[in-house]
Amino acid sequence: MSAAVLASRVLLGVGVAIICGSALGALAFRHSQNRLHYITPMTTIGAPMVGLALAIENSWGETTAQILLTVFLLAVTGPVLESATGRLIAQREGWIPRRSPR
């Protein structure tokens, strides 16, 4: 087994473990505000590891470029969307005012 294949399988295994652990952690809580804390590792750590594993396994090409672009966009926009979702939940629950920040 080559080093690239070994690295790909290790990244894939760790990425999938992080994603599964985050999903199970999110299921443990009833309130959606608490569940958001478990989604962040999926988008910022788990998905990039899986994407990198796929990129190593496929070598360079158009498919790999699409995988890396998708993973990059998920890693960049995921935390922003989770923050916006948390703010919306907090506004609906009455924890913060409904008006926009200044």
C-alpha atoms as a PDB file:
ATOM      1  CA  MET A   1       0.000   0.000   0.000  1.00  0.00           C
ATOM      2  CA  SER A   2       1.473   3.337  -1.033  1.00  0.00           C
ATOM      3  CA  ALA A   3       1.783   6.332   1.253  1.00  0.00           C
ATOM      4  CA  ALA A   4      -0.864   8.254  -0.708  1.00  0.00           C
ATOM      5  CA  VAL A   5      -3.411   5.469  -0.351  1.00  0.00           C
ATOM      6  CA  LEU A   6      -2.638   5.113   3.357  1.00  0.00           C
ATOM      7  CA  ALA A   7      -2.945   8.875   3.913  1.00  0.00           C
ATOM      8  CA  SER A   8      -6.213   8.919   1.980  1.00  0.00           C
ATOM      9  CA  ARG A   9      -7.710   6.118   4.052  1.00  0.00           C
ATOM     10  CA  VAL A  10      -6.598   7.654   7.347  1.00  0.00           C
ATOM     11  CA  LEU A  11      -8.065  11.046   6.381  1.00  0.00           C
ATOM     12  CA  LEU A  12     -11.289   9.399   5.261  1.00  0.00           C
ATOM     13  CA  GLY A  13     -11.594   7.360   8.457  1.00  0.00           C
ATOM     14  CA  VAL A  14     -10.933  10.321  10.748  1.00  0.00           C
ATOM     15  CA  GLY A  15     -13.258  12.580   8.738  1.00  0.00           C
ATOM     16  CA  VAL A  16     -16.102  10.073   8.826  1.00  0.00           C
ATOM     17  CA  ALA A  17     -15.554   9.500  12.562  1.00  0.00           C
ATOM     18  CA  ILE A  18     -15.794  13.244  13.221  1.00  0.00           C
ATOM     19  CA  ILE A  19     -18.950  13.538  11.135  1.00  0.00           C
ATOM     20  CA  CYS A  20     -20.611  10.541  12.816  1.00  0.00           C
ATOM     21  CA  GLY A  21     -19.595  11.718  16.281  1.00  0.00           C
ATOM     22  CA  SER A  22     -20.966  15.191  15.609  1.00  0.00           C
ATOM     23  CA  ALA A  23     -24.230  13.762  14.313  1.00  0.00           C
ATOM     24  CA  LEU A  24     -24.633  11.568  17.388  1.00  0.00           C
ATOM     25  CA  GLY A  25     -23.784  14.508  19.639  1.00  0.00           C
ATOM     26  CA  ALA A  26     -26.400  16.659  17.937  1.00  0.00           C
ATOM     27  CA  LEU A  27     -29.024  13.971  18.477  1.00  0.00           C
ATOM     28  CA  ALA A  28     -28.350  13.991  22.213  1.00  0.00           C
ATOM     29  CA  PHE A  29     -29.710  17.518  22.687  1.00  0.00           C
ATOM     30  CA  ARG A  30     -33.313  18.602  22.385  1.00  0.00           C
ATOM     31  CA  HIS A  31     -32.838  22.324  21.792  1.00  0.00           C
ATOM     32  CA  SER A  32     -31.679  23.418  18.353  1.00  0.00           C
ATOM     33  CA  GLN A  33     -29.368  26.099  19.776  1.00  0.00           C
ATOM     34  CA  ASN A  34     -27.302  23.389  21.475  1.00  0.00           C
ATOM     35  CA  ARG A  35     -27.315  21.226  18.350  1.00  0.00           C
ATOM     36  CA  LEU A  36     -25.604  23.943  16.351  1.00  0.00           C
ATOM     37  CA  HIS A  37     -22.407  23.443  18.355  1.00  0.00           C
ATOM     38  CA  TYR A  38     -22.123  19.925  16.980  1.00  0.00           C
ATOM     39  CA  ILE A  39     -22.622  20.919  13.346  1.00  0.00           C
ATOM     40  CA  THR A  40     -19.522  23.111  13.179  1.00  0.00           C
ATOM     41  CA  PRO A  41     -16.981  20.250  13.382  1.00  0.00           C
ATOM     42  CA  MET A  42     -18.749  18.554  10.474  1.00  0.00           C
ATOM     43  CA  THR A  43     -18.323  21.504   8.139  1.00  0.00           C
ATOM     44  CA  THR A  44     -14.947  22.801   9.280  1.00  0.00           C
ATOM     45  CA  ILE A  45     -13.045  19.587  10.058  1.00  0.00           C
ATOM     46  CA  GLY A  46     -14.910  16.458   8.907  1.00  0.00           C
ATOM     47  CA  ALA A  47     -15.931  17.465   5.397  1.00  0.00           C
ATOM     48  CA  PRO A  48     -12.519  18.936   4.466  1.00  0.00           C
ATOM     49  CA  MET A  49     -10.823  15.733   5.635  1.00  0.00           C
ATOM     50  CA  VAL A  50     -13.164  13.590   3.529  1.00  0.00           C
ATOM     51  CA  GLY A  51     -12.696  15.920   0.550  1.00  0.00           C
ATOM     52  CA  LEU A  52      -8.935  15.834   0.895  1.00  0.00           C
ATOM     53  CA  ALA A  53      -9.024  12.034   1.103  1.00  0.00           C
ATOM     54  CA  LEU A  54     -11.064  11.896  -2.108  1.00  0.00           C
ATOM     55  CA  ALA A  55      -8.699  14.334  -3.797  1.00  0.00           C
ATOM     56  CA  ILE A  56      -5.659  12.233  -2.856  1.00  0.00           C
ATOM     57  CA  GLU A  57      -7.370   9.036  -3.987  1.00  0.00           C
ATOM     58  CA  ASN A  58      -8.494  10.447  -7.364  1.00  0.00           C
ATOM     59  CA  SER A  59      -5.278  12.332  -8.172  1.00  0.00           C
ATOM     60  CA  TRP A  60      -5.512  15.650 -10.001  1.00  0.00           C
ATOM     61  CA  GLY A  61      -8.283  16.231 -12.522  1.00  0.00           C
ATOM     62  CA  GLU A  62     -11.577  17.996 -13.084  1.00  0.00           C
ATOM     63  CA  THR A  63     -13.408  15.830 -10.546  1.00  0.00           C
ATOM     64  CA  THR A  64     -10.804  16.586  -7.891  1.00  0.00           C
ATOM     65  CA  ALA A  65     -11.077  20.311  -8.604  1.00  0.00           C
ATOM     66  CA  GLN A  66     -14.851  20.132  -8.141  1.00  0.00           C
ATOM     67  CA  ILE A  67     -14.467  18.197  -4.886  1.00  0.00           C
ATOM     68  CA  LEU A  68     -11.955  20.704  -3.523  1.00  0.00           C
ATOM     69  CA  LEU A  69     -14.106  23.686  -4.570  1.00  0.00           C
ATOM     70  CA  THR A  70     -17.161  22.188  -2.877  1.00  0.00           C
ATOM     71  CA  VAL A  71     -15.241  21.415   0.315  1.00  0.00           C
ATOM     72  CA  PHE A  72     -13.702  24.902   0.341  1.00  0.00           C
ATOM     73  CA  LEU A  73     -17.091  26.570  -0.041  1.00  0.00           C
ATOM     74  CA  LEU A  74     -18.574  24.381   2.701  1.00  0.00           C
ATOM     75  CA  ALA A  75     -15.692  25.136   5.077  1.00  0.00           C
ATOM     76  CA  VAL A  76     -15.923  28.886   4.436  1.00  0.00           C
ATOM     77  CA  THR A  77     -19.695  29.309   4.459  1.00  0.00           C
ATOM     78  CA  GLY A  78     -20.611  26.659   7.047  1.00  0.00           C
ATOM     79  CA  PRO A  79     -19.647  28.636  10.171  1.00  0.00           C
ATOM     80  CA  VAL A  80     -21.294  31.795   8.803  1.00  0.00           C
ATOM     81  CA  LEU A  81     -24.560  29.965   8.116  1.00  0.00           C
ATOM     82  CA  GLU A  82     -24.468  28.335  11.543  1.00  0.00           C
ATOM     83  CA  SER A  83     -23.938  31.715  13.188  1.00  0.00           C
ATOM     84  CA  ALA A  84     -26.834  33.228  11.252  1.00  0.00           C
ATOM     85  CA  THR A  85     -29.036  30.264  12.167  1.00  0.00           C
ATOM     86  CA  GLY A  86     -28.108  30.635  15.836  1.00  0.00           C
ATOM     87  CA  ARG A  87     -28.968  34.329  15.745  1.00  0.00           C
ATOM     88  CA  LEU A  88     -32.341  33.599  14.133  1.00  0.00           C
ATOM     89  CA  ILE A  89     -33.138  30.985  16.780  1.00  0.00           C
ATOM     90  CA  ALA A  90     -32.139  33.409  19.531  1.00  0.00           C
ATOM     91  CA  GLN A  91     -34.395  36.101  18.038  1.00  0.00           C
ATOM     92  CA  ARG A  92     -37.350  33.733  17.762  1.00  0.00           C
ATOM     93  CA  GLU A  93     -36.871  32.533  21.349  1.00  0.00           C
ATOM     94  CA  GLY A  94     -36.739  36.137  22.576  1.00  0.00           C
ATOM     95  CA  TRP A  95     -33.178  35.895  23.902  1.00  0.00           C
ATOM     96  CA  ILE A  96     -32.066  38.875  21.812  1.00  0.00           C
ATOM     97  CA  PRO A  97     -34.066  41.725  20.213  1.00  0.00           C
ATOM     98  CA  ARG A  98     -35.565  41.108  16.779  1.00  0.00           C
ATOM     99  CA  ARG A  99     -34.100  44.288  15.300  1.00  0.00           C
ATOM    100  CA  SER A 100     -31.025  44.126  13.112  1.00  0.00           C
ATOM    101  CA  PRO A 101     -27.600  44.832  14.559  1.00  0.00           C
ATOM    102  CA  ARG A 102     -26.282  48.307  13.923  1.00  0.00           C
END
